[in-house]
């Protein structure tokens, strides 16, 4: 597990194959093939994120695509787009944006058959 401290500011691309806990500030992109991204209450992330799972306690803005699940806890503030098979918004979470719930396979939804 990797921890990004509260005083750390990262501008650019972060890539990982293990869990990451962010207490600091990231601006750019975050890509994780496996593992969970945990956005701590002190964190501020302005990034496009592509992960398996993410739990947000702090402030986040951008496009978040998760292969399994996105969770916004009561202390979360999120602005942007959430794309995942499961999206959980707890009481108290602040969210402003769009949500797309997509199946795990990532396959595009097939158009409905026409009925005449």
PDB file of N, CA and C in Angstrom:
ATOM      1  N   UNK A   1       0.839  -1.174   0.000  1.00  0.00           N
ATOM      2  CA  UNK A   1       0.000   0.000   0.000  1.00  0.00           C
ATOM      3  C   UNK A   1       0.886   1.241   0.000  1.00  0.00           C
ATOM      4  N   UNK A   2       0.483   2.215  -0.778  1.00  0.00           N
ATOM      5  CA  UNK A   2       1.207   3.479  -0.876  1.00  0.00           C
ATOM      6  C   UNK A   2       0.373   4.570  -0.224  1.00  0.00           C
ATOM      7  N   UNK A   3       1.018   5.439   0.540  1.00  0.00           N
ATOM      8  CA  UNK A   3       0.335   6.563   1.171  1.00  0.00           C
ATOM      9  C   UNK A   3       0.960   7.853   0.677  1.00  0.00           C
ATOM     10  N   UNK A   4       0.122   8.755   0.209  1.00  0.00           N
ATOM     11  CA  UNK A   4       0.564  10.073  -0.235  1.00  0.00           C
ATOM     12  C   UNK A   4       0.199  11.042   0.882  1.00  0.00           C
ATOM     13  N   UNK A   5       1.214  11.579   1.542  1.00  0.00           N
ATOM     14  CA  UNK A   5       1.040  12.415   2.723  1.00  0.00           C
ATOM     15  C   UNK A   5       0.311  13.720   2.465  1.00  0.00           C
ATOM     16  N   UNK A   6      -0.188  14.315   3.543  1.00  0.00           N
ATOM     17  CA  UNK A   6      -1.000  15.533   3.475  1.00  0.00           C
ATOM     18  C   UNK A   6      -0.255  16.723   2.887  1.00  0.00           C
ATOM     19  N   UNK A   7       1.062  16.791   3.060  1.00  0.00           N
ATOM     20  CA  UNK A   7       1.816  17.937   2.548  1.00  0.00           C
ATOM     21  C   UNK A   7       2.310  17.731   1.118  1.00  0.00           C
ATOM     22  N   UNK A   8       2.063  16.550   0.554  1.00  0.00           N
ATOM     23  CA  UNK A   8       2.561  16.229  -0.777  1.00  0.00           C
ATOM     24  C   UNK A   8       1.602  16.712  -1.863  1.00  0.00           C
ATOM     25  N   UNK A   9       2.158  17.372  -2.881  1.00  0.00           N
ATOM     26  CA  UNK A   9       1.397  17.833  -4.035  1.00  0.00           C
ATOM     27  C   UNK A   9       2.000  17.165  -5.264  1.00  0.00           C
ATOM     28  N   UNK A  10       1.158  16.457  -6.018  1.00  0.00           N
ATOM     29  CA  UNK A  10       1.615  15.775  -7.228  1.00  0.00           C
ATOM     30  C   UNK A  10       0.862  16.357  -8.408  1.00  0.00           C
ATOM     31  N   UNK A  11       1.614  16.788  -9.422  1.00  0.00           N
ATOM     32  CA  UNK A  11       1.026  17.256 -10.671  1.00  0.00           C
ATOM     33  C   UNK A  11       1.546  16.342 -11.763  1.00  0.00           C
ATOM     34  N   UNK A  12       0.615  15.670 -12.461  1.00  0.00           N
ATOM     35  CA  UNK A  12       1.029  14.744 -13.501  1.00  0.00           C
ATOM     36  C   UNK A  12       0.256  13.453 -13.427  1.00  0.00           C
ATOM     37  N   UNK A  13       0.923  12.355 -13.796  1.00  0.00           N
ATOM     38  CA  UNK A  13       0.263  11.056 -13.862  1.00  0.00           C
ATOM     39  C   UNK A  13       0.771  10.136 -12.766  1.00  0.00           C
ATOM     40  N   UNK A  14      -0.178   9.527 -12.040  1.00  0.00           N
ATOM     41  CA  UNK A  14       0.142   8.552 -11.010  1.00  0.00           C
ATOM     42  C   UNK A  14      -0.357   7.202 -11.503  1.00  0.00           C
ATOM     43  N   UNK A  15       0.515   6.190 -11.539  1.00  0.00           N
ATOM     44  CA  UNK A  15       0.110   4.842 -11.930  1.00  0.00           C
ATOM     45  C   UNK A  15       0.544   3.876 -10.837  1.00  0.00           C
ATOM     46  N   UNK A  16      -0.284   2.838 -10.619  1.00  0.00           N
ATOM     47  CA  UNK A  16       0.014   1.895  -9.549  1.00  0.00           C
ATOM     48  C   UNK A  16      -0.685   0.568  -9.793  1.00  0.00           C
ATOM     49  N   UNK A  17      -0.147  -0.495  -9.170  1.00  0.00           N
ATOM     50  CA  UNK A  17      -0.770  -1.814  -9.178  1.00  0.00           C
ATOM     51  C   UNK A  17      -1.099  -2.241  -7.753  1.00  0.00           C
ATOM     52  N   UNK A  18      -1.105  -1.289  -6.815  1.00  0.00           N
ATOM     53  CA  UNK A  18      -1.425  -1.584  -5.424  1.00  0.00           C
ATOM     54  C   UNK A  18      -2.309  -0.480  -4.857  1.00  0.00           C
ATOM     55  N   UNK A  19      -2.854  -0.709  -3.663  1.00  0.00           N
ATOM     56  CA  UNK A  19      -3.714   0.276  -3.009  1.00  0.00           C
ATOM     57  C   UNK A  19      -2.965   1.586  -2.791  1.00  0.00           C
ATOM     58  N   UNK A  20      -3.712   2.691  -2.935  1.00  0.00           N
ATOM     59  CA  UNK A  20      -3.150   4.017  -2.670  1.00  0.00           C
ATOM     60  C   UNK A  20      -4.112   4.760  -1.741  1.00  0.00           C
ATOM     61  N   UNK A  21      -3.560   5.370  -0.694  1.00  0.00           N
ATOM     62  CA  UNK A  21      -4.318   6.276   0.165  1.00  0.00           C
ATOM     63  C   UNK A  21      -3.751   7.667  -0.042  1.00  0.00           C
ATOM     64  N   UNK A  22      -4.618   8.609  -0.382  1.00  0.00           N
ATOM     65  CA  UNK A  22      -4.188   9.979  -0.662  1.00  0.00           C
ATOM     66  C   UNK A  22      -4.679  10.894   0.459  1.00  0.00           C
ATOM     67  N   UNK A  23      -3.720  11.580   1.102  1.00  0.00           N
ATOM     68  CA  UNK A  23      -4.041  12.599   2.099  1.00  0.00           C
ATOM     69  C   UNK A  23      -3.731  13.984   1.540  1.00  0.00           C
ATOM     70  N   UNK A  24      -2.933  14.026   0.478  1.00  0.00           N
ATOM     71  CA  UNK A  24      -2.464  15.285  -0.104  1.00  0.00           C
ATOM     72  C   UNK A  24      -3.281  15.728  -1.306  1.00  0.00           C
ATOM     73  N   UNK A  25      -2.590  16.343  -2.263  1.00  0.00           N
ATOM     74  CA  UNK A  25      -3.225  16.944  -3.432  1.00  0.00           C
ATOM     75  C   UNK A  25      -2.633  16.324  -4.699  1.00  0.00           C
ATOM     76  N   UNK A  26      -3.508  15.832  -5.578  1.00  0.00           N
ATOM     77  CA  UNK A  26      -3.080  15.313  -6.875  1.00  0.00           C
ATOM     78  C   UNK A  26      -3.850  16.049  -7.951  1.00  0.00           C
ATOM     79  N   UNK A  27      -3.118  16.509  -8.964  1.00  0.00           N
ATOM     80  CA  UNK A  27      -3.736  17.175 -10.107  1.00  0.00           C
ATOM     81  C   UNK A  27      -3.184  16.521 -11.367  1.00  0.00           C
ATOM     82  N   UNK A  28      -4.061  15.893 -12.165  1.00  0.00           N
ATOM     83  CA  UNK A  28      -3.607  15.234 -13.390  1.00  0.00           C
ATOM     84  C   UNK A  28      -4.386  13.984 -13.688  1.00  0.00           C
ATOM     85  N   UNK A  29      -3.713  12.814 -13.620  1.00  0.00           N
ATOM     86  CA  UNK A  29      -4.351  11.532 -13.913  1.00  0.00           C
ATOM     87  C   UNK A  29      -3.901  10.481 -12.903  1.00  0.00           C
ATOM     88  N   UNK A  30      -4.838   9.569 -12.579  1.00  0.00           N
ATOM     89  CA  UNK A  30      -4.520   8.439 -11.724  1.00  0.00           C
ATOM     90  C   UNK A  30      -5.002   7.183 -12.432  1.00  0.00           C
ATOM     91  N   UNK A  31      -4.099   6.217 -12.628  1.00  0.00           N
ATOM     92  CA  UNK A  31      -4.438   4.945 -13.266  1.00  0.00           C
ATOM     93  C   UNK A  31      -3.962   3.812 -12.377  1.00  0.00           C
ATOM     94  N   UNK A  32      -4.891   2.901 -12.072  1.00  0.00           N
ATOM     95  CA  UNK A  32      -4.560   1.747 -11.245  1.00  0.00           C
ATOM     96  C   UNK A  32      -5.146   0.496 -11.882  1.00  0.00           C
ATOM     97  N   UNK A  33      -4.284  -0.477 -12.203  1.00  0.00           N
ATOM     98  CA  UNK A  33      -4.725  -1.724 -12.804  1.00  0.00           C
ATOM     99  C   UNK A  33      -5.445  -2.577 -11.773  1.00  0.00           C
ATOM    100  N   UNK A  34      -4.952  -2.569 -10.518  1.00  0.00           N
ATOM    101  CA  UNK A  34      -5.566  -3.304  -9.426  1.00  0.00           C
ATOM    102  C   UNK A  34      -5.527  -2.415  -8.191  1.00  0.00           C
ATOM    103  N   UNK A  35      -6.189  -2.872  -7.145  1.00  0.00           N
ATOM    104  CA  UNK A  35      -6.143  -2.140  -5.887  1.00  0.00           C
ATOM    105  C   UNK A  35      -7.249  -1.113  -5.767  1.00  0.00           C
ATOM    106  N   UNK A  36      -7.244  -0.475  -4.600  1.00  0.00           N
ATOM    107  CA  UNK A  36      -8.275   0.495  -4.260  1.00  0.00           C
ATOM    108  C   UNK A  36      -7.650   1.858  -4.033  1.00  0.00           C
ATOM    109  N   UNK A  37      -8.306   2.885  -4.530  1.00  0.00           N
ATOM    110  CA  UNK A  37      -7.906   4.256  -4.263  1.00  0.00           C
ATOM    111  C   UNK A  37      -8.758   4.758  -3.107  1.00  0.00           C
ATOM    112  N   UNK A  38      -8.111   5.230  -2.043  1.00  0.00           N
ATOM    113  CA  UNK A  38      -8.807   5.801  -0.899  1.00  0.00           C
ATOM    114  C   UNK A  38      -8.465   7.273  -0.829  1.00  0.00           C
ATOM    115  N   UNK A  39      -9.469   8.122  -0.944  1.00  0.00           N
ATOM    116  CA  UNK A  39      -9.297   9.568  -0.894  1.00  0.00           C
ATOM    117  C   UNK A  39      -9.655  10.004   0.529  1.00  0.00           C
ATOM    118  N   UNK A  40      -8.650  10.314   1.329  1.00  0.00           N
ATOM    119  CA  UNK A  40      -8.833  10.668   2.732  1.00  0.00           C
ATOM    120  C   UNK A  40      -9.558  12.014   2.875  1.00  0.00           C
ATOM    121  N   UNK A  41     -10.107  12.295   4.055  1.00  0.00           N
ATOM    122  CA  UNK A  41     -10.839  13.559   4.268  1.00  0.00           C
ATOM    123  C   UNK A  41     -10.011  14.810   3.982  1.00  0.00           C
ATOM    124  N   UNK A  42      -8.691  14.740   4.157  1.00  0.00           N
ATOM    125  CA  UNK A  42      -7.826  15.903   3.911  1.00  0.00           C
ATOM    126  C   UNK A  42      -7.399  16.028   2.454  1.00  0.00           C
ATOM    127  N   UNK A  43      -7.707  15.025   1.638  1.00  0.00           N
ATOM    128  CA  UNK A  43      -7.234  14.988   0.249  1.00  0.00           C
ATOM    129  C   UNK A  43      -8.013  15.937  -0.653  1.00  0.00           C
ATOM    130  N   UNK A  44      -7.307  16.376  -1.704  1.00  0.00           N
ATOM    131  CA  UNK A  44      -7.918  17.173  -2.768  1.00  0.00           C
ATOM    132  C   UNK A  44      -7.382  16.622  -4.085  1.00  0.00           C
ATOM    133  N   UNK A  45      -8.273  16.041  -4.876  1.00  0.00           N
ATOM    134  CA  UNK A  45      -7.855  15.447  -6.141  1.00  0.00           C
ATOM    135  C   UNK A  45      -8.615  16.115  -7.279  1.00  0.00           C
ATOM    136  N   UNK A  46      -7.862  16.596  -8.256  1.00  0.00           N
ATOM    137  CA  UNK A  46      -8.404  17.165  -9.489  1.00  0.00           C
ATOM    138  C   UNK A  46      -7.805  16.334 -10.608  1.00  0.00           C
ATOM    139  N   UNK A  47      -8.512  15.254 -10.987  1.00  0.00           N
ATOM    140  CA  UNK A  47      -7.889  14.313 -11.915  1.00  0.00           C
ATOM    141  C   UNK A  47      -8.916  13.459 -12.618  1.00  0.00           C
ATOM    142  N   UNK A  48      -8.507  12.913 -13.749  1.00  0.00           N
ATOM    143  CA  UNK A  48      -9.246  11.839 -14.400  1.00  0.00           C
ATOM    144  C   UNK A  48      -8.690  10.555 -13.806  1.00  0.00           C
ATOM    145  N   UNK A  49      -9.588   9.696 -13.328  1.00  0.00           N
ATOM    146  CA  UNK A  49      -9.189   8.529 -12.561  1.00  0.00           C
ATOM    147  C   UNK A  49      -9.738   7.273 -13.214  1.00  0.00           C
ATOM    148  N   UNK A  50      -8.871   6.259 -13.369  1.00  0.00           N
ATOM    149  CA  UNK A  50      -9.269   4.961 -13.899  1.00  0.00           C
ATOM    150  C   UNK A  50      -8.750   3.911 -12.927  1.00  0.00           C
ATOM    151  N   UNK A  51      -9.677   3.319 -12.137  1.00  0.00           N
ATOM    152  CA  UNK A  51      -9.307   2.403 -11.058  1.00  0.00           C
ATOM    153  C   UNK A  51     -10.271   1.220 -11.002  1.00  0.00           C
ATOM    154  N   UNK A  52      -9.981   0.284 -10.110  1.00  0.00           N
ATOM    155  CA  UNK A  52     -10.899  -0.824  -9.875  1.00  0.00           C
ATOM    156  C   UNK A  52     -11.969  -0.401  -8.875  1.00  0.00           C
ATOM    157  N   UNK A  53     -11.539   0.136  -7.732  1.00  0.00           N
ATOM    158  CA  UNK A  53     -12.435   0.609  -6.673  1.00  0.00           C
ATOM    159  C   UNK A  53     -11.926   1.940  -6.151  1.00  0.00           C
ATOM    160  N   UNK A  54     -12.856   2.801  -5.730  1.00  0.00           N
ATOM    161  CA  UNK A  54     -12.468   4.061  -5.102  1.00  0.00           C
ATOM    162  C   UNK A  54     -13.464   4.393  -3.993  1.00  0.00           C
ATOM    163  N   UNK A  55     -12.913   4.827  -2.858  1.00  0.00           N
ATOM    164  CA  UNK A  55     -13.717   5.323  -1.749  1.00  0.00           C
ATOM    165  C   UNK A  55     -13.288   6.760  -1.507  1.00  0.00           C
ATOM    166  N   UNK A  56     -14.252   7.671  -1.529  1.00  0.00           N
ATOM    167  CA  UNK A  56     -13.955   9.098  -1.422  1.00  0.00           C
ATOM    168  C   UNK A  56     -14.475   9.631  -0.090  1.00  0.00           C
ATOM    169  N   UNK A  57     -13.546  10.158   0.713  1.00  0.00           N
ATOM    170  CA  UNK A  57     -13.886  10.825   1.966  1.00  0.00           C
ATOM    171  C   UNK A  57     -13.641  12.333   1.833  1.00  0.00           C
ATOM    172  N   UNK A  58     -12.754  12.720   0.926  1.00  0.00           N
ATOM    173  CA  UNK A  58     -12.339  14.117   0.775  1.00  0.00           C
ATOM    174  C   UNK A  58     -12.956  14.783  -0.436  1.00  0.00           C
ATOM    175  N   UNK A  59     -12.202  15.724  -1.024  1.00  0.00           N
ATOM    176  CA  UNK A  59     -12.658  16.512  -2.169  1.00  0.00           C
ATOM    177  C   UNK A  59     -12.072  15.967  -3.460  1.00  0.00           C
ATOM    178  N   UNK A  60     -12.934  15.789  -4.449  1.00  0.00           N
ATOM    179  CA  UNK A  60     -12.484  15.246  -5.719  1.00  0.00           C
ATOM    180  C   UNK A  60     -13.262  15.880  -6.858  1.00  0.00           C
ATOM    181  N   UNK A  61     -12.567  16.136  -7.966  1.00  0.00           N
ATOM    182  CA  UNK A  61     -13.241  16.614  -9.173  1.00  0.00           C
ATOM    183  C   UNK A  61     -12.580  15.958 -10.377  1.00  0.00           C
ATOM    184  N   UNK A  62     -13.399  15.700 -11.397  1.00  0.00           N
ATOM    185  CA  UNK A  62     -12.904  15.070 -12.613  1.00  0.00           C
ATOM    186  C   UNK A  62     -13.780  13.912 -13.033  1.00  0.00           C
ATOM    187  N   UNK A  63     -13.237  13.078 -13.892  1.00  0.00           N
ATOM    188  CA  UNK A  63     -13.943  11.895 -14.387  1.00  0.00           C
ATOM    189  C   UNK A  63     -13.386  10.683 -13.659  1.00  0.00           C
ATOM    190  N   UNK A  64     -14.263   9.929 -12.997  1.00  0.00           N
ATOM    191  CA  UNK A  64     -13.856   8.742 -12.252  1.00  0.00           C
ATOM    192  C   UNK A  64     -14.487   7.523 -12.913  1.00  0.00           C
ATOM    193  N   UNK A  65     -13.661   6.631 -13.444  1.00  0.00           N
ATOM    194  CA  UNK A  65     -14.118   5.372 -14.037  1.00  0.00           C
ATOM    195  C   UNK A  65     -13.581   4.239 -13.170  1.00  0.00           C
ATOM    196  N   UNK A  66     -14.498   3.443 -12.616  1.00  0.00           N
ATOM    197  CA  UNK A  66     -14.101   2.330 -11.758  1.00  0.00           C
ATOM    198  C   UNK A  66     -14.635   1.028 -12.333  1.00  0.00           C
ATOM    199  N   UNK A  67     -13.798   0.000 -12.325  1.00  0.00           N
ATOM    200  CA  UNK A  67     -14.198  -1.298 -12.858  1.00  0.00           C
ATOM    201  C   UNK A  67     -15.212  -2.015 -11.991  1.00  0.00           C
ATOM    202  N   UNK A  68     -15.232  -1.709 -10.680  1.00  0.00           N
ATOM    203  CA  UNK A  68     -16.141  -2.388  -9.772  1.00  0.00           C
ATOM    204  C   UNK A  68     -17.057  -1.442  -8.999  1.00  0.00           C
ATOM    205  N   UNK A  69     -16.469  -0.436  -8.291  1.00  0.00           N
ATOM    206  CA  UNK A  69     -17.305   0.329  -7.365  1.00  0.00           C
ATOM    207  C   UNK A  69     -16.735   1.704  -7.052  1.00  0.00           C
ATOM    208  N   UNK A  70     -17.651   2.665  -6.891  1.00  0.00           N
ATOM    209  CA  UNK A  70     -17.326   4.005  -6.408  1.00  0.00           C
ATOM    210  C   UNK A  70     -18.191   4.252  -5.179  1.00  0.00           C
ATOM    211  N   UNK A  71     -17.570   4.720  -4.087  1.00  0.00           N
ATOM    212  CA  UNK A  71     -18.332   5.041  -2.877  1.00  0.00           C
ATOM    213  C   UNK A  71     -17.995   6.444  -2.416  1.00  0.00           C
ATOM    214  N   UNK A  72     -19.034   7.259  -2.205  1.00  0.00           N
ATOM    215  CA  UNK A  72     -18.879   8.585  -1.627  1.00  0.00           C
ATOM    216  C   UNK A  72     -19.405   8.517  -0.194  1.00  0.00           C
ATOM    217  N   UNK A  73     -18.525   8.733   0.766  1.00  0.00           N
ATOM    218  CA  UNK A  73     -18.883   8.650   2.176  1.00  0.00           C
ATOM    219  C   UNK A  73     -19.528   9.971   2.622  1.00  0.00           C
ATOM    220  N   UNK A  74     -20.027  10.049   3.849  1.00  0.00           N
ATOM    221  CA  UNK A  74     -20.694  11.276   4.312  1.00  0.00           C
ATOM    222  C   UNK A  74     -19.841  12.543   4.245  1.00  0.00           C
ATOM    223  N   UNK A  75     -18.506  12.419   4.266  1.00  0.00           N
ATOM    224  CA  UNK A  75     -17.637  13.612   4.218  1.00  0.00           C
ATOM    225  C   UNK A  75     -17.165  13.950   2.807  1.00  0.00           C
ATOM    226  N   UNK A  76     -17.593  13.184   1.806  1.00  0.00           N
ATOM    227  CA  UNK A  76     -17.115  13.360   0.425  1.00  0.00           C
ATOM    228  C   UNK A  76     -17.757  14.563  -0.259  1.00  0.00           C
ATOM    229  N   UNK A  77     -16.936  15.215  -1.104  1.00  0.00           N
ATOM    230  CA  UNK A  77     -17.415  16.251  -2.011  1.00  0.00           C
ATOM    231  C   UNK A  77     -16.871  15.902  -3.382  1.00  0.00           C
ATOM    232  N   UNK A  78     -17.767  15.643  -4.328  1.00  0.00           N
ATOM    233  CA  UNK A  78     -17.358  15.210  -5.668  1.00  0.00           C
ATOM    234  C   UNK A  78     -18.056  16.056  -6.711  1.00  0.00           C
ATOM    235  N   UNK A  79     -17.269  16.495  -7.716  1.00  0.00           N
ATOM    236  CA  UNK A  79     -17.810  17.238  -8.844  1.00  0.00           C
ATOM    237  C   UNK A  79     -17.253  16.610 -10.105  1.00  0.00           C
ATOM    238  N   UNK A  80     -18.139  16.108 -10.976  1.00  0.00           N
ATOM    239  CA  UNK A  80     -17.670  15.504 -12.216  1.00  0.00           C
ATOM    240  C   UNK A  80     -18.530  14.340 -12.640  1.00  0.00           C
ATOM    241  N   UNK A  81     -17.891  13.327 -13.216  1.00  0.00           N
ATOM    242  CA  UNK A  81     -18.589  12.166 -13.760  1.00  0.00           C
ATOM    243  C   UNK A  81     -18.117  10.909 -13.056  1.00  0.00           C
ATOM    244  N   UNK A  82     -19.081  10.063 -12.676  1.00  0.00           N
ATOM    245  CA  UNK A  82     -18.792   8.761 -12.085  1.00  0.00           C
ATOM    246  C   UNK A  82     -19.268   7.684 -13.043  1.00  0.00           C
ATOM    247  N   UNK A  83     -18.390   6.732 -13.368  1.00  0.00           N
ATOM    248  CA  UNK A  83     -18.736   5.616 -14.245  1.00  0.00           C
ATOM    249  C   UNK A  83     -18.308   4.338 -13.545  1.00  0.00           C
ATOM    250  N   UNK A  84     -19.269   3.458 -13.232  1.00  0.00           N
ATOM    251  CA  UNK A  84     -18.952   2.209 -12.530  1.00  0.00           C
ATOM    252  C   UNK A  84     -20.172   1.298 -12.531  1.00  0.00           C
ATOM    253  N   UNK A  85     -19.973  -0.015 -12.307  1.00  0.00           N
ATOM    254  CA  UNK A  85     -21.112  -0.926 -12.173  1.00  0.00           C
ATOM    255  C   UNK A  85     -21.906  -0.677 -10.887  1.00  0.00           C
ATOM    256  N   UNK A  86     -21.232  -0.160  -9.839  1.00  0.00           N
ATOM    257  CA  UNK A  86     -21.899   0.137  -8.576  1.00  0.00           C
ATOM    258  C   UNK A  86     -21.442   1.504  -8.076  1.00  0.00           C
ATOM    259  N   UNK A  87     -22.403   2.375  -7.786  1.00  0.00           N
ATOM    260  CA  UNK A  87     -22.117   3.704  -7.251  1.00  0.00           C
ATOM    261  C   UNK A  87     -22.905   3.862  -5.966  1.00  0.00           C
ATOM    262  N   UNK A  88     -22.202   4.183  -4.880  1.00  0.00           N
ATOM    263  CA  UNK A  88     -22.833   4.331  -3.573  1.00  0.00           C
ATOM    264  C   UNK A  88     -22.641   5.766  -3.103  1.00  0.00           C
ATOM    265  N   UNK A  89     -23.764   6.442  -2.815  1.00  0.00           N
ATOM    266  CA  UNK A  89     -23.731   7.797  -2.274  1.00  0.00           C
ATOM    267  C   UNK A  89     -24.323   7.735  -0.875  1.00  0.00           C
ATOM    268  N   UNK A  90     -23.500   7.915   0.131  1.00  0.00           N
ATOM    269  CA  UNK A  90     -23.961   7.867   1.520  1.00  0.00           C
ATOM    270  C   UNK A  90     -24.622   9.193   1.896  1.00  0.00           C
ATOM    271  N   UNK A  91     -25.511   9.163   2.891  1.00  0.00           N
ATOM    272  CA  UNK A  91     -26.120  10.383   3.422  1.00  0.00           C
ATOM    273  C   UNK A  91     -25.033  11.353   3.832  1.00  0.00           C
ATOM    274  N   UNK A  92     -25.155  12.598   3.402  1.00  0.00           N
ATOM    275  CA  UNK A  92     -24.173  13.616   3.747  1.00  0.00           C
ATOM    276  C   UNK A  92     -23.172  13.888   2.644  1.00  0.00           C
ATOM    277  N   UNK A  93     -22.991  12.963   1.713  1.00  0.00           N
ATOM    278  CA  UNK A  93     -22.060  13.175   0.602  1.00  0.00           C
ATOM    279  C   UNK A  93     -22.600  14.282  -0.302  1.00  0.00           C
ATOM    280  N   UNK A  94     -21.686  15.077  -0.844  1.00  0.00           N
ATOM    281  CA  UNK A  94     -22.058  16.129  -1.782  1.00  0.00           C
ATOM    282  C   UNK A  94     -21.592  15.703  -3.162  1.00  0.00           C
ATOM    283  N   UNK A  95     -22.519  15.686  -4.117  1.00  0.00           N
ATOM    284  CA  UNK A  95     -22.182  15.280  -5.476  1.00  0.00           C
ATOM    285  C   UNK A  95     -22.848  16.205  -6.471  1.00  0.00           C
ATOM    286  N   UNK A  96     -22.070  16.652  -7.457  1.00  0.00           N
ATOM    287  CA  UNK A  96     -22.587  17.499  -8.525  1.00  0.00           C
ATOM    288  C   UNK A  96     -21.983  16.994  -9.826  1.00  0.00           C
ATOM    289  N   UNK A  97     -22.814  16.370 -10.659  1.00  0.00           N
ATOM    290  CA  UNK A  97     -22.290  15.848 -11.913  1.00  0.00           C
ATOM    291  C   UNK A  97     -23.173  14.786 -12.510  1.00  0.00           C
ATOM    292  N   UNK A  98     -22.556  13.845 -13.204  1.00  0.00           N
ATOM    293  CA  UNK A  98     -23.269  12.781 -13.907  1.00  0.00           C
ATOM    294  C   UNK A  98     -22.821  11.420 -13.378  1.00  0.00           C
ATOM    295  N   UNK A  99     -23.765  10.477 -13.407  1.00  0.00           N
ATOM    296  CA  UNK A  99     -23.454   9.108 -13.018  1.00  0.00           C
ATOM    297  C   UNK A  99     -23.860   8.187 -14.155  1.00  0.00           C
ATOM    298  N   UNK A 100     -22.941   7.295 -14.545  1.00  0.00           N
ATOM    299  CA  UNK A 100     -23.222   6.254 -15.528  1.00  0.00           C
ATOM    300  C   UNK A 100     -22.986   4.921 -14.852  1.00  0.00           C
ATOM    301  N   UNK A 101     -24.021   4.103 -14.774  1.00  0.00           N
ATOM    302  CA  UNK A 101     -23.864   2.767 -14.209  1.00  0.00           C
ATOM    303  C   UNK A 101     -23.717   1.811 -15.382  1.00  0.00           C
ATOM    304  N   UNK A 102     -22.540   1.180 -15.481  1.00  0.00           N
ATOM    305  CA  UNK A 102     -22.243   0.274 -16.584  1.00  0.00           C
ATOM    306  C   UNK A 102     -21.867  -1.090 -16.034  1.00  0.00           C
ATOM    307  N   UNK A 103     -22.234  -2.131 -16.750  1.00  0.00           N
ATOM    308  CA  UNK A 103     -21.906  -3.489 -16.327  1.00  0.00           C
ATOM    309  C   UNK A 103     -20.404  -3.702 -16.305  1.00  0.00           C
ATOM    310  N   UNK A 104     -19.957  -4.653 -15.497  1.00  0.00           N
ATOM    311  CA  UNK A 104     -18.528  -4.934 -15.335  1.00  0.00           C
ATOM    312  C   UNK A 104     -17.825  -5.279 -16.629  1.00  0.00           C
ATOM    313  N   UNK A 105     -18.531  -5.917 -17.552  1.00  0.00           N
ATOM    314  CA  UNK A 105     -17.898  -6.350 -18.795  1.00  0.00           C
ATOM    315  C   UNK A 105     -17.376  -5.178 -19.609  1.00  0.00           C
ATOM    316  N   UNK A 106     -17.953  -3.987 -19.376  1.00  0.00           N
ATOM    317  CA  UNK A 106     -17.519  -2.817 -20.116  1.00  0.00           C
ATOM    318  C   UNK A 106     -18.067  -2.775 -21.528  1.00  0.00           C
ATOM    319  N   UNK A 107     -18.827  -3.806 -21.912  1.00  0.00           N
ATOM    320  CA  UNK A 107     -19.402  -3.835 -23.256  1.00  0.00           C
ATOM    321  C   UNK A 107     -20.472  -2.773 -23.379  1.00  0.00           C
ATOM    322  N   UNK A 108     -20.532  -2.188 -24.524  1.00  0.00           N
ATOM    323  CA  UNK A 108     -21.559  -1.171 -24.759  1.00  0.00           C
ATOM    324  C   UNK A 108     -22.933  -1.821 -24.718  1.00  0.00           C
ATOM    325  N   UNK A 109     -23.861  -1.098 -24.166  1.00  0.00           N
ATOM    326  CA  UNK A 109     -25.228  -1.624 -24.089  1.00  0.00           C
ATOM    327  C   UNK A 109     -25.797  -1.756 -25.487  1.00  0.00           C
ATOM    328  N   UNK A 110     -26.485  -2.860 -25.719  1.00  0.00           N
ATOM    329  CA  UNK A 110     -27.085  -3.066 -27.026  1.00  0.00           C
ATOM    330  C   UNK A 110     -28.387  -2.294 -27.118  1.00  0.00           C
ATOM    331  N   UNK A 111     -28.679  -1.693 -28.274  1.00  0.00           N
ATOM    332  CA  UNK A 111     -29.925  -0.951 -28.404  1.00  0.00           C
ATOM    333  C   UNK A 111     -31.122  -1.911 -28.309  1.00  0.00           C
ATOM    334  N   UNK A 112     -32.199  -1.400 -27.775  1.00  0.00           N
ATOM    335  CA  UNK A 112     -33.410  -2.216 -27.626  1.00  0.00           C
ATOM    336  C   UNK A 112     -33.962  -2.543 -29.010  1.00  0.00           C
ATOM    337  N   UNK A 113     -34.544  -3.740 -29.122  1.00  0.00           N
ATOM    338  CA  UNK A 113     -35.141  -4.151 -30.386  1.00  0.00           C
ATOM    339  C   UNK A 113     -36.387  -3.331 -30.666  1.00  0.00           C
ATOM    340  N   UNK A 114     -36.618  -3.043 -31.914  1.00  0.00           N
ATOM    341  CA  UNK A 114     -37.806  -2.271 -32.296  1.00  0.00           C
ATOM    342  C   UNK A 114     -39.033  -3.171 -32.271  1.00  0.00           C
ATOM    343  N   UNK A 115     -40.111  -2.611 -31.790  1.00  0.00           N
ATOM    344  CA  UNK A 115     -41.384  -3.340 -31.770  1.00  0.00           C
ATOM    345  C   UNK A 115     -42.335  -2.587 -32.686  1.00  0.00           C
ATOM    346  N   UNK A 116     -42.871  -3.309 -33.659  1.00  0.00           N
ATOM    347  CA  UNK A 116     -43.783  -2.658 -34.605  1.00  0.00           C
ATOM    348  C   UNK A 116     -45.214  -2.910 -34.234  1.00  0.00           C
TER     349      UNK A 116
END
